[in-house]
Amino acid sequence: MPIVSVIVPSRNEQFMPKTVDDLIAKAAGDIEVIVVLDGYKCELPSRKNLINIQEDKPQGMRSAINTAAGIARGKYLLK
């Protein structure tokens, strides 16, 4: 079980793949990264500790955070 779940709500983020790569590369411990793509599509790298949630229609940041928090397995949440 990961210690920290990193929640990344996003809408039309141009650099999302680079952000995910940096989060995973610079992590000092066991983390999971939960990305919520709110109303758009983006190709993300395939990683065992990456969860990608695709929302077809924009729901807003609060909804994206709540969705990710609902499936997070970490002891701590980081947004």
C-alpha atoms as a PDB file:
ATOM      1  CA  MET A   1       0.000   0.000   0.000  1.00  0.00           C
ATOM      2  CA  PRO A   2       1.416   3.426  -0.937  1.00  0.00           C
ATOM      3  CA  ILE A   3       2.093   5.908   1.838  1.00  0.00           C
ATOM      4  CA  VAL A   4       1.103   8.977  -0.212  1.00  0.00           C
ATOM      5  CA  SER A   5      -1.558   9.370  -2.896  1.00  0.00           C
ATOM      6  CA  VAL A   6      -0.857  12.383  -5.129  1.00  0.00           C
ATOM      7  CA  ILE A   7      -4.044  13.751  -6.709  1.00  0.00           C
ATOM      8  CA  VAL A   8      -3.649  15.800  -9.888  1.00  0.00           C
ATOM      9  CA  PRO A   9      -6.898  17.318 -11.213  1.00  0.00           C
ATOM     10  CA  SER A  10      -6.395  18.726 -14.695  1.00  0.00           C
ATOM     11  CA  ARG A  11      -8.169  20.344 -17.595  1.00  0.00           C
ATOM     12  CA  ASN A  12      -6.335  20.970 -20.873  1.00  0.00           C
ATOM     13  CA  GLU A  13      -2.876  20.656 -19.312  1.00  0.00           C
ATOM     14  CA  GLN A  14      -0.259  20.740 -22.040  1.00  0.00           C
ATOM     15  CA  PHE A  15       2.557  19.317 -19.904  1.00  0.00           C
ATOM     16  CA  MET A  16       0.701  16.579 -18.005  1.00  0.00           C
ATOM     17  CA  PRO A  17       2.936  13.685 -19.216  1.00  0.00           C
ATOM     18  CA  LYS A  18       6.046  15.588 -18.080  1.00  0.00           C
ATOM     19  CA  THR A  19       4.404  16.414 -14.746  1.00  0.00           C
ATOM     20  CA  VAL A  20       3.616  12.734 -14.121  1.00  0.00           C
ATOM     21  CA  ASP A  21       7.150  11.693 -15.094  1.00  0.00           C
ATOM     22  CA  ASP A  22       8.655  14.274 -12.712  1.00  0.00           C
ATOM     23  CA  LEU A  23       6.396  13.286  -9.809  1.00  0.00           C
ATOM     24  CA  ILE A  24       7.322   9.623 -10.110  1.00  0.00           C
ATOM     25  CA  ALA A  25      11.024  10.245 -10.768  1.00  0.00           C
ATOM     26  CA  LYS A  26      11.457  12.586  -7.803  1.00  0.00           C
ATOM     27  CA  ALA A  27       9.405  10.610  -5.281  1.00  0.00           C
ATOM     28  CA  ALA A  28      11.414   9.582  -2.244  1.00  0.00           C
ATOM     29  CA  GLY A  29       9.065   6.794  -1.176  1.00  0.00           C
ATOM     30  CA  ASP A  30       6.170   4.633  -2.247  1.00  0.00           C
ATOM     31  CA  ILE A  31       3.539   6.833  -3.913  1.00  0.00           C
ATOM     32  CA  GLU A  32       0.617   6.526  -6.271  1.00  0.00           C
ATOM     33  CA  VAL A  33      -0.317   9.279  -8.692  1.00  0.00           C
ATOM     34  CA  ILE A  34      -3.999   9.740  -9.528  1.00  0.00           C
ATOM     35  CA  VAL A  35      -4.607  11.976 -12.540  1.00  0.00           C
ATOM     36  CA  VAL A  36      -8.134  13.121 -13.341  1.00  0.00           C
ATOM     37  CA  LEU A  37      -8.446  14.367 -16.930  1.00  0.00           C
ATOM     38  CA  ASP A  38     -11.509  16.595 -16.715  1.00  0.00           C
ATOM     39  CA  GLY A  39     -13.157  16.697 -20.124  1.00  0.00           C
ATOM     40  CA  TYR A  40     -10.166  16.097 -22.376  1.00  0.00           C
ATOM     41  CA  LYS A  41      -7.873  13.301 -23.546  1.00  0.00           C
ATOM     42  CA  CYS A  42      -4.152  13.041 -22.951  1.00  0.00           C
ATOM     43  CA  GLU A  43      -1.674  10.219 -23.516  1.00  0.00           C
ATOM     44  CA  LEU A  44       0.080   9.426 -20.250  1.00  0.00           C
ATOM     45  CA  PRO A  45       2.981   7.045 -19.686  1.00  0.00           C
ATOM     46  CA  SER A  46       2.043   3.564 -18.544  1.00  0.00           C
ATOM     47  CA  ARG A  47       3.209   3.056 -14.966  1.00  0.00           C
ATOM     48  CA  LYS A  48       2.214   0.644 -12.212  1.00  0.00           C
ATOM     49  CA  ASN A  49       1.678   3.442  -9.689  1.00  0.00           C
ATOM     50  CA  LEU A  50      -0.318   5.714 -12.025  1.00  0.00           C
ATOM     51  CA  ILE A  51      -4.113   5.785 -12.064  1.00  0.00           C
ATOM     52  CA  ASN A  52      -5.671   7.712 -14.926  1.00  0.00           C
ATOM     53  CA  ILE A  53      -9.330   8.762 -14.643  1.00  0.00           C
ATOM     54  CA  GLN A  54     -10.909  10.088 -17.845  1.00  0.00           C
ATOM     55  CA  GLU A  55     -14.036  12.245 -17.467  1.00  0.00           C
ATOM     56  CA  ASP A  56     -15.873  12.689 -20.771  1.00  0.00           C
ATOM     57  CA  LYS A  57     -17.528  15.958 -19.744  1.00  0.00           C
ATOM     58  CA  PRO A  58     -15.917  18.607 -17.528  1.00  0.00           C
ATOM     59  CA  GLN A  59     -17.119  18.237 -13.928  1.00  0.00           C
ATOM     60  CA  GLY A  60     -14.902  20.826 -12.238  1.00  0.00           C
ATOM     61  CA  MET A  61     -11.945  20.682  -9.896  1.00  0.00           C
ATOM     62  CA  ARG A  62     -13.897  19.819  -6.725  1.00  0.00           C
ATOM     63  CA  SER A  63     -15.558  16.830  -8.379  1.00  0.00           C
ATOM     64  CA  ALA A  64     -12.226  15.650  -9.814  1.00  0.00           C
ATOM     65  CA  ILE A  65     -10.569  15.808  -6.390  1.00  0.00           C
ATOM     66  CA  ASN A  66     -13.447  13.961  -4.722  1.00  0.00           C
ATOM     67  CA  THR A  67     -13.383  11.236  -7.389  1.00  0.00           C
ATOM     68  CA  ALA A  68      -9.649  10.703  -6.938  1.00  0.00           C
ATOM     69  CA  ALA A  69      -9.852  10.797  -3.136  1.00  0.00           C
ATOM     70  CA  GLY A  70     -12.530   8.118  -3.277  1.00  0.00           C
ATOM     71  CA  ILE A  71     -10.170   5.595  -4.884  1.00  0.00           C
ATOM     72  CA  ALA A  72      -6.907   6.685  -3.230  1.00  0.00           C
ATOM     73  CA  ARG A  73      -5.146   3.923  -1.285  1.00  0.00           C
ATOM     74  CA  GLY A  74      -2.469   6.006   0.421  1.00  0.00           C
ATOM     75  CA  LYS A  75      -2.338   6.814   4.099  1.00  0.00           C
ATOM     76  CA  TYR A  76      -1.953  10.500   3.193  1.00  0.00           C
ATOM     77  CA  LEU A  77      -3.433  12.563   0.338  1.00  0.00           C
ATOM     78  CA  LEU A  78      -1.565  15.303  -1.494  1.00  0.00           C
ATOM     79  CA  LYS A  79      -3.190  17.586  -4.027  1.00  0.00           C
END
